[in-house]
Amino acid sequence: MSSPPNSSRAAGQTGPNSASGAFFDELFTGAPLMAILRGYSRERTLELAERAWELGVRAVEVPVQSQDAVETLAAVAARARELDRIAGAGTVVSSDLVRLAGEAGAAFTVAPGFDEAVADESDARGMPHLPGVATASEIQRVLSTGRTWMKAFPADALGERWFSGMRGPFPHIRIVATGGMSAGNARHYLDAGADVVAVGSALGDPQQLPLLAELMSQTRTGDAGHR
């Protein structure tokens, strides 16, 4: 991946965040889906996490907005280690949450926006951080720190044209579409410019599961994905 004009750091080749970028590159290669499991019981979260892993989804995120959620994350992270899978913490917006995510065993962290101090602390603790963006200015700010992976939130409100539009000035960014995604619209957002689509309730919907499995299968055979 070559460097964007006037930004050698943004390519993530030699900067302090290169390891973080390499982590997400490997995590999402051939797997354009991410699972976000918010608000479920511990048992249901474990069930859906295992379902996601069985589909070939490598990244499972558990948002940590309560003590119960932190404990659920710990259970999912423990199960992930048993199965040699990956689980991370979502909605990590403070240093305290970075610490709790680390103690729970998260492999990575995700946030709805970008706080450089939080991102740096997470990276320093060995948990690559995926920041959130919604504007061109926010993308530029993330790129200025040497990070190329980010999540676009809320993706359904931004719309498909946002993704294709941002590909013009920022061809080297890697984007996870998050918010309002389903098996029905995932392919549309991938075709529009997203590298990964994050789904949640779709994993618990018997009607959507075959579509998710088909998308994963197409990606493995090289039919899905635009880069």
Protein backbone atom coordinates (compact mmCIF):
# COMPACT_ATOMS: atom_id res chain seq x y z
CA MET A 1 0.00 0.00 0.00
CA SER A 2 1.66 3.22 -1.15
CA SER A 3 1.67 6.45 0.83
CA PRO A 4 -0.95 9.17 0.24
CA PRO A 5 0.47 12.42 -1.07
CA ASN A 6 2.22 14.51 1.62
CA SER A 7 1.72 11.87 4.29
CA SER A 8 4.40 9.23 4.70
CA ARG A 9 3.06 8.40 8.16
CA ALA A 10 -0.43 7.64 6.88
CA ALA A 11 0.77 4.55 5.08
CA GLY A 12 1.71 3.12 8.46
CA GLN A 13 5.00 1.69 7.21
CA THR A 14 7.49 3.10 9.72
CA GLY A 15 5.45 5.20 12.17
CA PRO A 16 4.55 4.27 15.73
CA ASN A 17 1.18 2.91 14.64
CA SER A 18 2.44 0.51 11.97
CA ALA A 19 1.88 -2.51 14.21
CA SER A 20 -1.74 -1.45 14.75
CA GLY A 21 -2.34 -1.15 11.02
CA ALA A 22 -0.70 -4.50 10.36
CA PHE A 23 -2.93 -6.11 12.98
CA PHE A 24 -6.14 -4.93 11.29
CA ASP A 25 -4.77 -5.74 7.83
CA GLU A 26 -4.30 -9.35 8.91
CA LEU A 27 -7.52 -9.50 10.93
CA PHE A 28 -9.75 -8.44 8.05
CA THR A 29 -7.97 -10.04 5.08
CA GLY A 30 -10.51 -12.29 3.38
CA ALA A 31 -13.06 -11.56 6.11
CA PRO A 32 -15.11 -8.43 5.32
CA LEU A 33 -17.48 -8.83 8.27
CA MET A 34 -17.13 -7.79 11.90
CA ALA A 35 -19.53 -8.77 14.69
CA ILE A 36 -20.71 -6.22 17.27
CA LEU A 37 -22.54 -7.87 20.15
CA ARG A 38 -24.18 -5.15 22.22
CA GLY A 39 -26.73 -5.52 25.01
CA TYR A 40 -27.08 -9.30 25.07
CA SER A 41 -26.85 -11.56 28.09
CA ARG A 42 -23.50 -13.24 28.67
CA GLU A 43 -24.84 -16.57 27.44
CA ARG A 44 -26.39 -15.08 24.31
CA THR A 45 -23.24 -13.08 23.56
CA LEU A 46 -21.11 -16.21 23.79
CA GLU A 47 -23.55 -18.04 21.51
CA LEU A 48 -23.47 -15.29 18.88
CA ALA A 49 -19.69 -14.91 19.13
CA GLU A 50 -19.22 -18.60 18.42
CA ARG A 51 -21.69 -18.36 15.53
CA ALA A 52 -19.68 -15.49 14.07
CA TRP A 53 -16.41 -17.40 14.38
CA GLU A 54 -18.00 -20.45 12.75
CA LEU A 55 -19.01 -18.26 9.79
CA GLY A 56 -15.41 -17.16 9.40
CA VAL A 57 -15.84 -13.73 10.98
CA ARG A 58 -12.54 -13.07 12.74
CA ALA A 59 -13.33 -9.89 14.66
CA VAL A 60 -15.93 -9.99 17.45
CA GLU A 61 -16.51 -6.78 19.42
CA VAL A 62 -18.28 -6.47 22.77
CA PRO A 63 -19.06 -2.82 23.68
CA VAL A 64 -18.12 -2.06 27.30
CA GLN A 65 -20.70 0.46 28.51
CA SER A 66 -21.43 -1.21 31.86
CA GLN A 67 -19.79 -3.51 34.39
CA ASP A 68 -21.96 -6.36 33.14
CA ALA A 69 -20.67 -5.72 29.62
CA VAL A 70 -17.05 -5.79 30.84
CA GLU A 71 -17.70 -9.15 32.48
CA THR A 72 -19.32 -10.40 29.29
CA LEU A 73 -16.29 -9.26 27.31
CA ALA A 74 -14.04 -11.18 29.70
CA ALA A 75 -16.08 -14.34 29.10
CA VAL A 76 -15.98 -13.89 25.32
CA ALA A 77 -12.26 -13.11 25.35
CA ALA A 78 -11.59 -16.25 27.39
CA ARG A 79 -13.60 -18.32 24.93
CA ALA A 80 -11.76 -16.69 22.04
CA ARG A 81 -8.42 -17.75 23.49
CA GLU A 82 -9.67 -21.32 23.86
CA LEU A 83 -10.68 -21.37 20.19
CA ASP A 84 -7.72 -19.34 18.92
CA ARG A 85 -10.05 -16.54 17.86
CA ILE A 86 -10.15 -12.76 18.38
CA ALA A 87 -12.38 -10.63 20.63
CA GLY A 88 -12.16 -6.90 21.27
CA ALA A 89 -13.80 -4.12 23.26
CA GLY A 90 -16.11 -1.51 21.76
CA THR A 91 -17.15 2.00 22.82
CA VAL A 92 -13.75 2.52 24.46
CA VAL A 93 -13.79 6.29 24.98
CA SER A 94 -11.60 6.82 28.06
CA SER A 95 -8.37 5.69 29.68
CA ASP A 96 -10.36 3.87 32.35
CA LEU A 97 -12.14 1.84 29.68
CA VAL A 98 -8.82 1.05 28.01
CA ARG A 99 -7.62 -0.35 31.32
CA LEU A 100 -10.81 -2.36 31.84
CA ALA A 101 -10.64 -3.71 28.29
CA GLY A 102 -7.09 -4.85 28.86
CA GLU A 103 -7.95 -6.50 32.16
CA ALA A 104 -10.85 -8.30 30.44
CA GLY A 105 -8.50 -9.73 27.83
CA ALA A 106 -9.50 -7.67 24.78
CA ALA A 107 -7.24 -8.08 21.75
CA PHE A 108 -8.24 -4.70 20.27
CA THR A 109 -10.38 -1.66 21.05
CA VAL A 110 -12.91 0.35 19.06
CA ALA A 111 -14.40 3.82 19.61
CA PRO A 112 -17.21 5.84 17.99
CA GLY A 113 -14.88 8.84 17.62
CA PHE A 114 -11.20 9.66 17.86
CA ASP A 115 -9.36 10.60 21.05
CA GLU A 116 -5.65 10.37 20.27
CA ALA A 117 -4.67 9.88 23.92
CA VAL A 118 -7.07 6.96 24.28
CA ALA A 119 -5.89 5.46 20.99
CA ASP A 120 -2.23 5.80 21.95
CA GLU A 121 -2.79 4.26 25.37
CA SER A 122 -4.66 1.32 23.88
CA ASP A 123 -1.92 0.73 21.32
CA ALA A 124 0.72 1.00 24.05
CA ARG A 125 -1.10 -1.68 26.06
CA GLY A 126 -0.94 -4.02 23.10
CA MET A 127 -4.53 -3.50 21.94
CA PRO A 128 -4.65 -1.95 18.45
CA HIS A 129 -7.27 0.80 18.34
CA LEU A 130 -9.93 1.38 15.67
CA PRO A 131 -11.16 5.01 15.88
CA GLY A 132 -14.43 6.35 14.53
CA VAL A 133 -14.90 9.03 11.87
CA ALA A 134 -17.78 10.71 10.09
CA THR A 135 -16.19 13.65 8.24
CA ALA A 136 -13.26 14.40 5.97
CA SER A 137 -11.65 16.49 8.72
CA GLU A 138 -11.83 13.55 11.12
CA ILE A 139 -10.28 11.25 8.53
CA GLN A 140 -7.42 13.71 8.04
CA ARG A 141 -6.86 13.88 11.79
CA VAL A 142 -6.67 10.10 12.09
CA LEU A 143 -4.33 9.88 9.09
CA SER A 144 -2.05 12.52 10.62
CA THR A 145 -1.28 10.09 13.46
CA GLY A 146 -0.17 7.35 11.08
CA ARG A 147 -3.37 5.30 11.34
CA THR A 148 -5.08 4.06 8.18
CA TRP A 149 -7.82 1.87 9.69
CA MET A 150 -10.95 3.59 11.00
CA LYS A 151 -14.65 2.93 11.38
CA ALA A 152 -17.31 5.08 9.74
CA PHE A 153 -20.17 5.70 12.16
CA PRO A 154 -23.13 5.81 11.84
CA ALA A 155 -22.81 4.22 8.42
CA ASP A 156 -26.51 4.02 7.63
CA ALA A 157 -26.92 7.75 8.30
CA LEU A 158 -23.83 8.58 6.25
CA GLY A 159 -25.11 6.47 3.35
CA GLU A 160 -23.38 4.53 0.60
CA ARG A 161 -22.41 7.68 -1.32
CA TRP A 162 -20.30 8.85 1.64
CA PHE A 163 -18.05 5.81 1.21
CA SER A 164 -17.60 6.20 -2.53
CA GLY A 165 -17.11 9.95 -2.07
CA MET A 166 -14.37 9.59 0.53
CA ARG A 167 -12.47 7.17 -1.71
CA GLY A 168 -11.62 10.08 -4.01
CA PRO A 169 -9.51 12.23 -1.67
CA PHE A 170 -8.55 9.34 0.63
CA PRO A 171 -7.86 6.27 -1.54
CA HIS A 172 -5.57 4.63 1.02
CA ILE A 173 -7.83 4.58 4.06
CA ARG A 174 -9.36 1.33 5.27
CA ILE A 175 -12.94 1.67 6.51
CA VAL A 176 -15.24 -0.45 8.67
CA ALA A 177 -18.90 0.51 8.06
CA THR A 178 -20.69 0.47 11.41
CA GLY A 179 -24.27 1.28 12.37
CA GLY A 180 -27.42 -0.01 10.72
CA MET A 181 -25.68 -2.73 8.74
CA SER A 182 -27.37 -6.03 7.87
CA ALA A 183 -26.99 -8.99 5.56
CA GLY A 184 -29.26 -7.17 3.14
CA ASN A 185 -27.14 -4.04 2.71
CA ALA A 186 -23.63 -5.29 3.55
CA ARG A 187 -22.62 -5.98 -0.04
CA HIS A 188 -23.86 -2.55 -1.16
CA TYR A 189 -21.56 -0.82 1.35
CA LEU A 190 -18.61 -3.03 0.40
CA ASP A 191 -19.16 -2.18 -3.25
CA ALA A 192 -19.44 1.52 -2.36
CA GLY A 193 -16.02 1.59 -0.71
CA ALA A 194 -16.14 0.00 2.73
CA ASP A 195 -13.49 -2.63 3.41
CA VAL A 196 -15.45 -4.27 6.22
CA VAL A 197 -19.07 -4.18 7.39
CA ALA A 198 -19.95 -4.59 11.07
CA VAL A 199 -23.15 -6.49 11.83
CA GLY A 200 -24.88 -7.34 15.08
CA SER A 201 -28.48 -8.54 15.22
CA ALA A 202 -28.08 -10.20 11.81
CA LEU A 203 -26.17 -13.00 13.53
CA GLY A 204 -29.27 -13.88 15.51
CA ASP A 205 -31.64 -13.78 12.53
CA PRO A 206 -32.07 -17.17 10.81
CA GLN A 207 -33.12 -15.43 7.61
CA GLN A 208 -29.93 -13.35 7.43
CA LEU A 209 -27.44 -16.07 8.34
CA PRO A 210 -27.40 -17.70 4.87
CA LEU A 211 -26.71 -14.29 3.29
CA LEU A 212 -23.82 -13.66 5.68
CA ALA A 213 -22.41 -17.11 4.96
CA GLU A 214 -22.70 -16.47 1.22
CA LEU A 215 -20.85 -13.16 1.54
CA MET A 216 -18.02 -14.80 3.47
CA SER A 217 -17.86 -17.63 0.93
CA GLN A 218 -17.70 -15.21 -1.99
CA THR A 219 -14.85 -13.33 -0.33
CA ARG A 220 -12.84 -16.51 0.20
CA THR A 221 -13.15 -17.31 -3.51
CA GLY A 222 -12.26 -13.76 -4.52
CA ASP A 223 -15.68 -12.61 -5.74
CA ALA A 224 -16.34 -10.05 -3.00
CA GLY A 225 -14.33 -7.04 -1.97
CA HIS A 226 -13.06 -4.30 -4.23
CA ARG A 227 -9.44 -4.13 -3.13
